Protein backbone atom coordinates (compact mmCIF):
# COMPACT_ATOMS: atom_id res chain seq x y z
CA UNK A 1 5.86 -75.91 23.81
CA UNK A 2 7.27 -73.00 21.77
CA UNK A 3 8.80 -73.94 18.43
CA UNK A 4 10.75 -71.33 16.49
CA UNK A 5 9.50 -70.60 12.99
CA UNK A 6 12.77 -70.75 11.04
CA UNK A 7 11.07 -69.30 7.94
CA UNK A 8 9.85 -66.20 9.82
CA UNK A 9 12.76 -63.78 10.08
CA UNK A 10 10.62 -61.19 11.88
CA UNK A 11 10.05 -63.58 14.82
CA UNK A 12 12.47 -62.73 17.61
CA UNK A 13 14.68 -65.63 18.73
CA UNK A 14 17.06 -65.25 21.67
CA UNK A 15 20.20 -67.09 22.77
CA UNK A 16 22.67 -66.79 25.66
CA UNK A 17 26.16 -65.43 24.96
CA UNK A 18 29.23 -66.44 26.93
CA UNK A 19 32.72 -65.04 27.40
CA UNK A 20 35.49 -67.64 27.48
CA UNK A 21 39.13 -67.38 28.40
CA UNK A 22 41.79 -69.84 29.54
CA UNK A 23 40.75 -69.34 33.16
CA UNK A 24 37.00 -68.73 33.02
CA UNK A 25 33.68 -69.40 31.34
CA UNK A 26 30.90 -66.97 32.23
CA UNK A 27 27.43 -65.97 31.04
CA UNK A 28 27.66 -62.48 29.59
CA UNK A 29 24.36 -61.40 28.01
CA UNK A 30 21.51 -62.63 25.83
CA UNK A 31 21.04 -61.55 22.22
CA UNK A 32 18.23 -61.39 19.72
CA UNK A 33 19.34 -61.68 16.11
CA UNK A 34 18.42 -63.15 12.79
CA UNK A 35 18.69 -66.90 13.00
CA UNK A 36 21.79 -68.01 11.18
CA UNK A 37 24.09 -70.75 12.34
CA UNK A 38 27.68 -70.71 11.17
CA UNK A 39 28.33 -74.27 12.32
CA UNK A 40 28.89 -77.10 9.87
CA UNK A 41 25.48 -78.56 10.64
CA UNK A 42 22.47 -78.10 12.87
CA UNK A 43 21.08 -74.89 14.29
CA UNK A 44 21.73 -72.78 17.33
CA UNK A 45 19.48 -73.27 20.36
CA UNK A 46 17.02 -70.37 20.38
CA UNK A 47 14.57 -69.29 23.05
CA UNK A 48 11.39 -67.21 22.80
CA UNK A 49 12.36 -64.44 25.23
CA UNK A 50 15.38 -62.58 26.57
CA UNK A 51 14.43 -63.64 30.11
CA UNK A 52 14.47 -67.34 29.18
CA UNK A 53 17.83 -66.94 27.40
CA UNK A 54 19.33 -65.25 30.47
CA UNK A 55 17.91 -67.92 32.80
CA UNK A 56 19.16 -70.73 30.58
CA UNK A 57 22.62 -69.18 30.30
CA UNK A 58 23.00 -68.66 34.03
CA UNK A 59 21.23 -71.76 35.36
CA UNK A 60 22.91 -74.25 33.01
CA UNK A 61 26.34 -72.64 32.65
CA UNK A 62 28.19 -75.92 33.30
CA UNK A 63 26.22 -77.73 30.60
CA UNK A 64 26.85 -74.91 28.12
CA UNK A 65 30.56 -75.03 29.00
CA UNK A 66 30.68 -78.79 28.32
CA UNK A 67 28.95 -78.28 24.97
CA UNK A 68 31.26 -75.45 23.91
CA UNK A 69 34.49 -77.11 25.03
CA UNK A 70 33.58 -80.66 24.07
């Protein structure tokens, strides 16, 4: 039920980070940073805690890989 407050820059928002190469795709770490998306549209999926970001990155690695690689 958590919804990020995009107007509140002091609210921590976490996301998983992955390392990609030609031969692998692996969860690396989770980050907390100011919410800015460099994509052409939309926003980056953010989670309310580091633990949730790590779980999401590890548990759903194949889904993340499909999203990142199209």
